[in-house]
Amino acid sequence: MQRAMRLLEAVAEREHGAPAKQLARETGLALPTTYHLLRTLVHERYLRREKGLFFLGEAAERLSSSGAQQKRRSTVNDALARWRDSIGVPVYYAIYRDGEIEVMCVSDTPGNPAVEEWADFRETGHAHAIGQCLLAQVDEHTRRDHLDRYPVQSITPYTVSDSRTLLQRLEQTSRMEPVTERQEYALGTVCAAIPITVGETAGTMAISLPSHQADRLLPAVRQLQTEVGRALGSLALSISI
């Protein structure tokens, strides 16, 4: 789905259309893969083909409208609420955009409340699983720039102590493994986050639990990872909000 989105973005930049070979070159995709994805996107009406050139189709144009954007947000909220109820934890969706951590959606209940944002999430990315997961996905320059603007500082007695330690931790983070933190952002709370790539944007889905339920953290985030994996294809265009 990421490759399909790259093709859509490339077509969107070509007002007068583009042939498959040009799109393959611009996206870095193999030509057979490009043809296969283009056929699928035409079939789903995200693209249309005229005289060998590809243009945005009616489905893609609908996505750009404000009504479609609201529908996409609703789709994400519904998915988070479904996972919240099935796993029994608050669920968060966040992205890293324009140098900032943005929490896009949070789904919780009175019985399973989300973590209170007592310290600005954007400024404390080093301390919570959401921020650590996002920073682990960006390139080294972006990571260091972020920490220059938002230096590592003690939030709780468990917070990572300095930027060098944090950078080493982020570099050792496996690409598809959950990122966990235990009381680094909020005392009495443990959190875990999984990476979600939206086009070229770093994203994450995360959960939190009271620290006395810490033994549930890894099983719960693994369940979330499975649920997200099943739904990511249908959600890919919706979560790029």
Protein backbone atom coordinates (compact mmCIF):
# COMPACT_ATOMS: atom_id res chain seq x y z
CA MET A 1 0.00 0.00 0.00
CA GLN A 2 2.93 2.35 0.63
CA ARG A 3 4.08 1.79 -2.95
CA ALA A 4 0.58 2.51 -4.26
CA MET A 5 0.53 5.77 -2.33
CA ARG A 6 3.88 6.76 -3.85
CA LEU A 7 2.36 6.25 -7.29
CA LEU A 8 -0.70 8.32 -6.37
CA GLU A 9 1.54 11.13 -5.12
CA ALA A 10 3.61 11.01 -8.32
CA VAL A 11 0.49 11.17 -10.51
CA ALA A 12 -0.91 14.04 -8.43
CA GLU A 13 2.20 16.09 -9.29
CA ARG A 14 1.59 15.63 -13.04
CA GLU A 15 -1.37 17.76 -14.08
CA HIS A 16 -1.14 16.56 -17.68
CA GLY A 17 -0.69 12.91 -16.76
CA ALA A 18 2.32 10.59 -16.87
CA PRO A 19 3.16 7.25 -18.53
CA ALA A 20 3.95 4.14 -16.52
CA LYS A 21 7.68 4.19 -17.30
CA GLN A 22 8.05 7.75 -16.02
CA LEU A 23 6.13 6.90 -12.84
CA ALA A 24 8.34 3.87 -12.30
CA ARG A 25 11.47 6.02 -12.57
CA GLU A 26 10.13 8.73 -10.26
CA THR A 27 9.00 6.30 -7.57
CA GLY A 28 11.95 3.92 -7.85
CA LEU A 29 9.65 0.95 -8.47
CA ALA A 30 10.32 -1.91 -10.85
CA LEU A 31 8.33 -1.57 -14.06
CA PRO A 32 6.35 -4.85 -13.61
CA THR A 33 5.42 -3.76 -10.06
CA THR A 34 4.41 -0.33 -11.37
CA TYR A 35 2.14 -1.84 -14.04
CA HIS A 36 0.51 -4.15 -11.50
CA LEU A 37 -0.16 -1.33 -9.02
CA LEU A 38 -1.41 1.01 -11.75
CA ARG A 39 -3.90 -1.60 -12.97
CA THR A 40 -5.17 -2.04 -9.41
CA LEU A 41 -5.48 1.71 -8.83
CA VAL A 42 -7.33 2.15 -12.13
CA HIS A 43 -9.68 -0.71 -11.24
CA GLU A 44 -10.39 0.93 -7.84
CA ARG A 45 -10.88 4.29 -9.62
CA TYR A 46 -8.06 6.02 -7.77
CA LEU A 47 -6.49 6.54 -11.21
CA ARG A 48 -7.79 6.74 -14.76
CA ARG A 49 -5.88 5.97 -17.96
CA GLU A 50 -6.15 7.97 -21.15
CA LYS A 51 -3.99 7.34 -24.24
CA GLY A 52 -1.28 5.68 -22.18
CA LEU A 53 -1.17 8.43 -19.53
CA PHE A 54 -2.35 8.14 -15.94
CA PHE A 55 -4.40 10.79 -14.12
CA LEU A 56 -6.04 10.95 -10.69
CA GLY A 57 -9.41 9.20 -10.74
CA GLU A 58 -12.69 10.07 -9.13
CA ALA A 59 -11.99 8.06 -5.97
CA ALA A 60 -8.75 9.98 -5.34
CA GLU A 61 -10.47 13.30 -6.05
CA ARG A 62 -13.19 12.48 -3.53
CA LEU A 63 -10.53 11.91 -0.90
CA SER A 64 -9.34 15.49 -1.30
CA SER A 65 -12.70 17.00 -0.38
CA SER A 66 -13.42 18.14 3.17
CA GLY A 67 -16.24 15.65 3.49
CA ALA A 68 -13.94 12.81 2.53
CA GLN A 69 -11.35 14.02 5.03
CA GLN A 70 -13.95 13.88 7.80
CA LYS A 71 -14.94 10.39 6.70
CA ARG A 72 -11.31 9.32 6.83
CA ARG A 73 -10.97 10.68 10.35
CA SER A 74 -14.11 8.81 11.32
CA THR A 75 -12.68 5.61 9.83
CA VAL A 76 -9.56 5.94 11.98
CA ASN A 77 -11.55 6.78 15.10
CA ASP A 78 -13.78 3.76 14.54
CA ALA A 79 -10.76 1.48 14.13
CA LEU A 80 -9.14 2.81 17.32
CA ALA A 81 -12.39 2.36 19.25
CA ARG A 82 -12.69 -1.22 17.99
CA TRP A 83 -9.15 -2.06 19.09
CA ARG A 84 -9.67 -0.24 22.38
CA ASP A 85 -12.65 -2.44 23.17
CA SER A 86 -11.18 -5.72 21.94
CA ILE A 87 -7.86 -5.29 23.78
CA GLY A 88 -9.19 -3.35 26.77
CA VAL A 89 -6.66 -0.49 26.62
CA PRO A 90 -6.54 3.14 25.46
CA VAL A 91 -5.26 3.38 21.88
CA TYR A 92 -3.37 6.33 20.38
CA TYR A 93 -2.45 7.29 16.81
CA ALA A 94 0.33 9.82 16.19
CA ILE A 95 2.59 10.96 13.36
CA TYR A 96 5.82 12.92 12.94
CA ARG A 97 5.16 15.82 10.58
CA ASP A 98 7.07 19.02 9.87
CA GLY A 99 9.45 18.37 12.75
CA GLU A 100 6.73 17.85 15.32
CA ILE A 101 5.05 14.97 17.14
CA GLU A 102 1.31 15.15 16.49
CA VAL A 103 -1.15 12.98 18.39
CA MET A 104 -3.97 12.68 15.85
CA CYS A 105 -6.48 10.44 17.65
CA VAL A 106 -6.96 8.97 21.12
CA SER A 107 -9.60 6.41 22.02
CA ASP A 108 -10.22 5.60 25.69
CA THR A 109 -13.03 4.93 28.17
CA PRO A 110 -13.72 6.01 31.76
CA GLY A 111 -12.63 2.55 32.87
CA ASN A 112 -9.46 2.66 30.78
CA PRO A 113 -8.50 6.34 30.58
CA ALA A 114 -5.70 7.71 28.42
CA VAL A 115 -2.56 9.11 29.99
CA GLU A 116 -3.02 12.69 31.09
CA GLU A 117 -0.81 15.02 29.06
CA TRP A 118 0.73 16.71 32.05
CA ALA A 119 3.89 17.63 30.10
CA ASP A 120 3.62 18.69 26.45
CA PHE A 121 3.82 15.55 24.27
CA ARG A 122 5.65 17.49 21.54
CA GLU A 123 8.41 18.58 23.90
CA THR A 124 8.83 15.26 25.73
CA GLY A 125 9.12 12.79 22.85
CA HIS A 126 12.24 11.32 24.46
CA ALA A 127 10.18 10.22 27.45
CA HIS A 128 7.15 8.45 26.01
CA ALA A 129 6.74 5.42 23.75
CA ILE A 130 4.95 7.42 21.06
CA GLY A 131 7.83 9.86 20.69
CA GLN A 132 10.52 7.21 20.92
CA CYS A 133 8.80 5.12 18.25
CA LEU A 134 8.50 8.09 15.90
CA LEU A 135 12.07 9.27 16.48
CA ALA A 136 13.34 5.74 15.83
CA GLN A 137 11.81 5.89 12.34
CA VAL A 138 13.21 9.22 11.14
CA ASP A 139 16.72 9.76 9.79
CA GLU A 140 19.62 10.70 12.04
CA HIS A 141 19.64 14.37 11.00
CA THR A 142 15.93 14.77 11.76
CA ARG A 143 16.36 12.94 15.07
CA ARG A 144 19.24 15.14 16.22
CA ASP A 145 17.47 18.28 15.05
CA HIS A 146 14.43 17.31 17.12
CA LEU A 147 16.54 16.74 20.24
CA ASP A 148 18.33 20.06 19.71
CA ARG A 149 14.97 21.79 19.78
CA TYR A 150 13.53 19.62 22.57
CA PRO A 151 16.46 18.52 24.74
CA VAL A 152 16.33 15.39 26.88
CA GLN A 153 15.25 16.28 30.41
CA SER A 154 14.10 14.36 33.46
CA ILE A 155 10.33 13.96 33.51
CA THR A 156 10.28 11.22 36.14
CA PRO A 157 13.02 9.31 37.98
CA TYR A 158 12.78 6.69 35.20
CA THR A 159 13.25 9.01 32.21
CA VAL A 160 16.24 8.35 29.96
CA SER A 161 19.11 10.35 31.44
CA ASP A 162 20.76 12.00 28.42
CA SER A 163 20.57 12.35 24.64
CA ARG A 164 23.50 10.00 24.01
CA THR A 165 21.77 7.17 25.87
CA LEU A 166 18.52 7.90 24.04
CA LEU A 167 20.20 7.95 20.62
CA GLN A 168 21.87 4.61 21.32
CA ARG A 169 18.52 3.15 22.32
CA LEU A 170 16.82 4.48 19.18
CA GLU A 171 19.58 3.18 16.91
CA GLN A 172 19.21 -0.29 18.42
CA THR A 173 15.44 -0.31 17.98
CA SER A 174 14.38 -3.03 15.55
CA ARG A 175 12.29 -1.65 12.67
CA MET A 176 9.15 -3.67 13.38
CA GLU A 177 9.49 -4.29 17.11
CA PRO A 178 7.29 -2.47 19.65
CA VAL A 179 8.87 0.36 21.63
CA THR A 180 8.10 0.21 25.34
CA GLU A 181 8.63 2.61 28.22
CA ARG A 182 7.85 2.10 31.88
CA GLN A 183 7.03 5.19 33.93
CA GLU A 184 9.40 7.38 31.89
CA TYR A 185 6.67 9.89 31.04
CA ALA A 186 4.12 9.40 33.82
CA LEU A 187 4.55 7.66 37.15
CA GLY A 188 2.22 4.69 37.48
CA THR A 189 1.93 4.20 33.70
CA VAL A 190 3.60 1.91 31.16
CA CYS A 191 3.28 2.38 27.40
CA ALA A 192 4.11 0.60 24.15
CA ALA A 193 4.06 1.78 20.52
CA ILE A 194 4.37 0.12 17.12
CA PRO A 195 5.65 1.81 13.93
CA ILE A 196 3.20 2.65 11.14
CA THR A 197 4.54 4.08 7.89
CA VAL A 198 2.09 6.33 6.05
CA GLY A 199 3.61 7.09 2.65
CA GLU A 200 6.85 8.78 3.67
CA THR A 201 5.45 9.93 7.03
CA ALA A 202 6.48 8.20 10.26
CA GLY A 203 3.46 7.12 12.28
CA THR A 204 2.67 5.01 15.31
CA MET A 205 -0.17 3.27 17.12
CA ALA A 206 0.29 3.01 20.88
CA ILE A 207 -1.32 1.77 24.09
CA SER A 208 -0.95 2.53 27.79
CA LEU A 209 -1.66 0.65 30.99
CA PRO A 210 -1.39 1.26 34.74
CA SER A 211 2.00 0.05 35.95
CA HIS A 212 0.39 -2.62 38.16
CA GLN A 213 -0.81 -4.22 34.91
CA ALA A 214 2.65 -4.12 33.31
CA ASP A 215 2.54 -7.85 32.62
CA ARG A 216 -0.26 -7.15 30.09
CA LEU A 217 1.77 -4.61 28.12
CA LEU A 218 3.60 -6.85 25.66
CA PRO A 219 0.70 -9.24 24.98
CA ALA A 220 -1.60 -6.26 24.46
CA VAL A 221 0.70 -4.44 22.06
CA ARG A 222 1.31 -7.67 20.12
CA GLN A 223 -2.45 -8.01 19.75
CA LEU A 224 -2.65 -4.42 18.53
CA GLN A 225 0.14 -5.11 16.05
CA THR A 226 -1.80 -8.06 14.66
CA GLU A 227 -5.05 -6.07 14.44
CA VAL A 228 -3.36 -3.13 12.73
CA GLY A 229 -1.60 -5.45 10.30
CA ARG A 230 -4.90 -6.96 9.24
CA ALA A 231 -6.54 -3.58 8.69
CA LEU A 232 -3.64 -1.52 7.36
CA GLY A 233 -4.44 -2.08 3.71
CA SER A 234 -7.95 -0.67 4.06
CA LEU A 235 -6.80 2.06 6.44
CA ALA A 236 -3.72 3.28 4.57
CA LEU A 237 -5.44 6.13 2.75
CA SER A 238 -7.52 7.05 5.80
CA ILE A 239 -4.68 7.33 8.30
CA SER A 240 -2.78 9.83 6.15
CA ILE A 241 -4.86 12.58 7.73
